[in-house]
């Protein structure tokens, strides 16, 4: 088992925390802008948001060298997007039913799953921590 210093652990925790915040920000901005641009009947901005979400989650997983990077970003997106689908008392919705809403919601879910599955499974160390020398010492008994 690899032993990490407190600074390395804090850096890894901060990186995962920022990935979660990135997922939240993408959900808020994407939730309000996914129906903004349509080419005929094709919801172009929803497709762009799904591709961006897939790319960010896959990139997070590959850069952190673990599926946890993709999962944390996806959780941030899901925790904001799911309440956006609920209808409020006055009938307000952020993600309404319609082509743009369906592409954004279901396409985003598929993109998250695919990004998670394509991310590396073993944690060979984060790209953030790769530059630190190993503190393994040979102790003779």
C-alpha atoms as a PDB file:
ATOM      1  CA  UNK A   1       0.000   0.000   0.000  1.00  0.00           C
ATOM      2  CA  UNK A   2       1.272   3.413  -0.920  1.00  0.00           C
ATOM      3  CA  UNK A   3       1.720   5.867   1.915  1.00  0.00           C
ATOM      4  CA  UNK A   4       0.971   9.488   1.108  1.00  0.00           C
ATOM      5  CA  UNK A   5       1.841  12.572   3.064  1.00  0.00           C
ATOM      6  CA  UNK A   6      -0.814  14.892   4.424  1.00  0.00           C
ATOM      7  CA  UNK A   7      -0.035  17.447   1.717  1.00  0.00           C
ATOM      8  CA  UNK A   8      -0.535  14.884  -1.037  1.00  0.00           C
ATOM      9  CA  UNK A   9      -3.800  13.707   0.520  1.00  0.00           C
ATOM     10  CA  UNK A  10      -5.026  17.282   0.855  1.00  0.00           C
ATOM     11  CA  UNK A  11      -4.109  18.021  -2.757  1.00  0.00           C
ATOM     12  CA  UNK A  12      -5.986  14.939  -3.967  1.00  0.00           C
ATOM     13  CA  UNK A  13      -9.030  15.841  -1.857  1.00  0.00           C
ATOM     14  CA  UNK A  14      -8.981  19.404  -3.165  1.00  0.00           C
ATOM     15  CA  UNK A  15      -8.779  18.132  -6.745  1.00  0.00           C
ATOM     16  CA  UNK A  16     -11.802  15.872  -6.261  1.00  0.00           C
ATOM     17  CA  UNK A  17     -13.669  18.709  -4.554  1.00  0.00           C
ATOM     18  CA  UNK A  18     -13.020  20.993  -7.519  1.00  0.00           C
ATOM     19  CA  UNK A  19     -14.199  18.292  -9.925  1.00  0.00           C
ATOM     20  CA  UNK A  20     -17.456  18.096  -7.955  1.00  0.00           C
ATOM     21  CA  UNK A  21     -17.831  21.890  -8.170  1.00  0.00           C
ATOM     22  CA  UNK A  22     -17.128  21.705 -11.911  1.00  0.00           C
ATOM     23  CA  UNK A  23     -19.975  19.199 -12.277  1.00  0.00           C
ATOM     24  CA  UNK A  24     -22.293  21.505 -10.322  1.00  0.00           C
ATOM     25  CA  UNK A  25     -21.361  24.532 -12.448  1.00  0.00           C
ATOM     26  CA  UNK A  26     -21.851  22.570 -15.666  1.00  0.00           C
ATOM     27  CA  UNK A  27     -25.291  21.466 -14.464  1.00  0.00           C
ATOM     28  CA  UNK A  28     -26.424  24.966 -13.553  1.00  0.00           C
ATOM     29  CA  UNK A  29     -25.206  26.594 -16.759  1.00  0.00           C
ATOM     30  CA  UNK A  30     -26.240  23.667 -18.958  1.00  0.00           C
ATOM     31  CA  UNK A  31     -29.640  23.391 -17.302  1.00  0.00           C
ATOM     32  CA  UNK A  32     -30.521  26.958 -18.217  1.00  0.00           C
ATOM     33  CA  UNK A  33     -28.861  27.118 -21.651  1.00  0.00           C
ATOM     34  CA  UNK A  34     -29.546  23.688 -23.197  1.00  0.00           C
ATOM     35  CA  UNK A  35     -32.634  24.875 -25.168  1.00  0.00           C
ATOM     36  CA  UNK A  36     -30.953  28.092 -26.358  1.00  0.00           C
ATOM     37  CA  UNK A  37     -29.821  27.031 -29.834  1.00  0.00           C
ATOM     38  CA  UNK A  38     -31.734  24.871 -32.262  1.00  0.00           C
ATOM     39  CA  UNK A  39     -31.014  24.106 -35.896  1.00  0.00           C
ATOM     40  CA  UNK A  40     -34.437  23.309 -37.307  1.00  0.00           C
ATOM     41  CA  UNK A  41     -35.814  20.616 -35.021  1.00  0.00           C
ATOM     42  CA  UNK A  42     -32.368  19.540 -33.793  1.00  0.00           C
ATOM     43  CA  UNK A  43     -31.494  20.778 -30.279  1.00  0.00           C
ATOM     44  CA  UNK A  44     -27.906  21.761 -31.098  1.00  0.00           C
ATOM     45  CA  UNK A  45     -26.984  23.334 -27.751  1.00  0.00           C
ATOM     46  CA  UNK A  46     -28.256  20.282 -25.859  1.00  0.00           C
ATOM     47  CA  UNK A  47     -26.053  18.066 -28.037  1.00  0.00           C
ATOM     48  CA  UNK A  48     -23.085  20.359 -27.404  1.00  0.00           C
ATOM     49  CA  UNK A  49     -23.717  20.194 -23.635  1.00  0.00           C
ATOM     50  CA  UNK A  50     -23.900  16.397 -23.716  1.00  0.00           C
ATOM     51  CA  UNK A  51     -20.606  16.221 -25.626  1.00  0.00           C
ATOM     52  CA  UNK A  52     -18.990  18.696 -23.206  1.00  0.00           C
ATOM     53  CA  UNK A  53     -20.232  16.746 -20.198  1.00  0.00           C
ATOM     54  CA  UNK A  54     -18.885  13.499 -21.646  1.00  0.00           C
ATOM     55  CA  UNK A  55     -15.536  15.116 -22.417  1.00  0.00           C
ATOM     56  CA  UNK A  56     -15.151  16.708 -19.000  1.00  0.00           C
ATOM     57  CA  UNK A  57     -16.059  13.502 -17.138  1.00  0.00           C
ATOM     58  CA  UNK A  58     -13.793  11.372 -19.302  1.00  0.00           C
ATOM     59  CA  UNK A  59     -10.986  13.886 -18.939  1.00  0.00           C
ATOM     60  CA  UNK A  60     -11.428  13.964 -15.163  1.00  0.00           C
ATOM     61  CA  UNK A  61     -11.240  10.191 -15.001  1.00  0.00           C
ATOM     62  CA  UNK A  62      -8.167  10.006 -17.204  1.00  0.00           C
ATOM     63  CA  UNK A  63      -6.324  12.871 -15.511  1.00  0.00           C
ATOM     64  CA  UNK A  64      -6.980  11.518 -12.029  1.00  0.00           C
ATOM     65  CA  UNK A  65      -6.205   8.008 -13.318  1.00  0.00           C
ATOM     66  CA  UNK A  66      -9.246   6.603 -11.572  1.00  0.00           C
ATOM     67  CA  UNK A  67     -12.939   6.219 -12.221  1.00  0.00           C
ATOM     68  CA  UNK A  68     -13.537   8.262  -9.092  1.00  0.00           C
ATOM     69  CA  UNK A  69     -12.617  11.424 -11.025  1.00  0.00           C
ATOM     70  CA  UNK A  70     -15.404  10.810 -13.533  1.00  0.00           C
ATOM     71  CA  UNK A  71     -17.797   9.714 -10.790  1.00  0.00           C
ATOM     72  CA  UNK A  72     -17.308  12.812  -8.629  1.00  0.00           C
ATOM     73  CA  UNK A  73     -17.894  15.124 -11.602  1.00  0.00           C
ATOM     74  CA  UNK A  74     -20.976  13.124 -12.584  1.00  0.00           C
ATOM     75  CA  UNK A  75     -22.367  13.300  -9.046  1.00  0.00           C
ATOM     76  CA  UNK A  76     -22.057  17.080  -9.062  1.00  0.00           C
ATOM     77  CA  UNK A  77     -23.980  17.224 -12.334  1.00  0.00           C
ATOM     78  CA  UNK A  78     -26.634  14.750 -11.187  1.00  0.00           C
ATOM     79  CA  UNK A  79     -27.304  16.427  -7.833  1.00  0.00           C
ATOM     80  CA  UNK A  80     -28.211  19.659  -9.612  1.00  0.00           C
ATOM     81  CA  UNK A  81     -29.828  18.301 -12.774  1.00  0.00           C
ATOM     82  CA  UNK A  82     -32.300  15.932 -11.120  1.00  0.00           C
ATOM     83  CA  UNK A  83     -34.043  18.654  -9.064  1.00  0.00           C
ATOM     84  CA  UNK A  84     -34.165  20.787 -12.229  1.00  0.00           C
ATOM     85  CA  UNK A  85     -36.571  18.210 -13.708  1.00  0.00           C
ATOM     86  CA  UNK A  86     -39.122  18.672 -10.914  1.00  0.00           C
ATOM     87  CA  UNK A  87     -42.091  20.919 -11.493  1.00  0.00           C
ATOM     88  CA  UNK A  88     -42.554  23.626  -8.873  1.00  0.00           C
ATOM     89  CA  UNK A  89     -45.910  24.688  -7.471  1.00  0.00           C
ATOM     90  CA  UNK A  90     -46.336  27.491  -9.999  1.00  0.00           C
ATOM     91  CA  UNK A  91     -45.573  25.129 -12.889  1.00  0.00           C
ATOM     92  CA  UNK A  92     -42.000  26.295 -13.416  1.00  0.00           C
ATOM     93  CA  UNK A  93     -39.436  23.908 -14.858  1.00  0.00           C
ATOM     94  CA  UNK A  94     -35.778  24.354 -15.701  1.00  0.00           C
ATOM     95  CA  UNK A  95     -35.474  21.216 -17.846  1.00  0.00           C
ATOM     96  CA  UNK A  96     -38.820  20.977 -19.619  1.00  0.00           C
ATOM     97  CA  UNK A  97     -40.136  18.026 -21.559  1.00  0.00           C
ATOM     98  CA  UNK A  98     -39.346  18.353 -25.234  1.00  0.00           C
ATOM     99  CA  UNK A  99     -36.544  17.405 -27.578  1.00  0.00           C
ATOM    100  CA  UNK A 100     -33.933  19.696 -25.996  1.00  0.00           C
ATOM    101  CA  UNK A 101     -34.775  18.574 -22.468  1.00  0.00           C
ATOM    102  CA  UNK A 102     -34.780  14.889 -23.347  1.00  0.00           C
ATOM    103  CA  UNK A 103     -31.497  15.089 -25.260  1.00  0.00           C
ATOM    104  CA  UNK A 104     -29.848  17.021 -22.423  1.00  0.00           C
ATOM    105  CA  UNK A 105     -31.147  14.795 -19.619  1.00  0.00           C
ATOM    106  CA  UNK A 106     -30.972  11.309 -21.122  1.00  0.00           C
ATOM    107  CA  UNK A 107     -28.011  12.037 -23.383  1.00  0.00           C
ATOM    108  CA  UNK A 108     -26.177  13.444 -20.370  1.00  0.00           C
ATOM    109  CA  UNK A 109     -26.907  10.308 -18.347  1.00  0.00           C
ATOM    110  CA  UNK A 110     -25.633   8.085 -21.152  1.00  0.00           C
ATOM    111  CA  UNK A 111     -22.567  10.301 -21.538  1.00  0.00           C
ATOM    112  CA  UNK A 112     -21.818  10.031 -17.812  1.00  0.00           C
ATOM    113  CA  UNK A 113     -22.059   6.238 -17.850  1.00  0.00           C
ATOM    114  CA  UNK A 114     -19.872   5.902 -20.950  1.00  0.00           C
ATOM    115  CA  UNK A 115     -17.271   8.326 -19.531  1.00  0.00           C
ATOM    116  CA  UNK A 116     -17.212   6.348 -16.295  1.00  0.00           C
ATOM    117  CA  UNK A 117     -16.755   3.056 -18.133  1.00  0.00           C
ATOM    118  CA  UNK A 118     -13.966   4.431 -20.337  1.00  0.00           C
ATOM    119  CA  UNK A 119     -12.029   5.857 -17.379  1.00  0.00           C
ATOM    120  CA  UNK A 120      -9.082   3.868 -16.002  1.00  0.00           C
ATOM    121  CA  UNK A 121      -9.883   1.410 -13.241  1.00  0.00           C
ATOM    122  CA  UNK A 122      -6.646   1.334 -11.303  1.00  0.00           C
ATOM    123  CA  UNK A 123      -5.396   4.278  -9.325  1.00  0.00           C
ATOM    124  CA  UNK A 124      -1.786   4.548 -10.430  1.00  0.00           C
ATOM    125  CA  UNK A 125      -1.574   7.943  -8.783  1.00  0.00           C
ATOM    126  CA  UNK A 126      -3.003  11.248  -9.833  1.00  0.00           C
ATOM    127  CA  UNK A 127      -1.368  13.382 -12.498  1.00  0.00           C
ATOM    128  CA  UNK A 128      -1.128  16.029  -9.763  1.00  0.00           C
ATOM    129  CA  UNK A 129       0.973  13.817  -7.540  1.00  0.00           C
ATOM    130  CA  UNK A 130       3.094  12.114 -10.192  1.00  0.00           C
ATOM    131  CA  UNK A 131       5.974  14.572  -9.806  1.00  0.00           C
ATOM    132  CA  UNK A 132       6.601  13.761  -6.153  1.00  0.00           C
ATOM    133  CA  UNK A 133       9.403  11.311  -5.440  1.00  0.00           C
ATOM    134  CA  UNK A 134       8.540   8.084  -3.747  1.00  0.00           C
ATOM    135  CA  UNK A 135       9.303   8.048  -0.012  1.00  0.00           C
ATOM    136  CA  UNK A 136       9.963   4.320   0.071  1.00  0.00           C
ATOM    137  CA  UNK A 137      13.070   3.461   2.016  1.00  0.00           C
ATOM    138  CA  UNK A 138      14.707   0.121   2.371  1.00  0.00           C
ATOM    139  CA  UNK A 139      14.788  -0.858   6.020  1.00  0.00           C
ATOM    140  CA  UNK A 140      16.974  -3.806   6.870  1.00  0.00           C
ATOM    141  CA  UNK A 141      15.978  -5.842   9.871  1.00  0.00           C
END
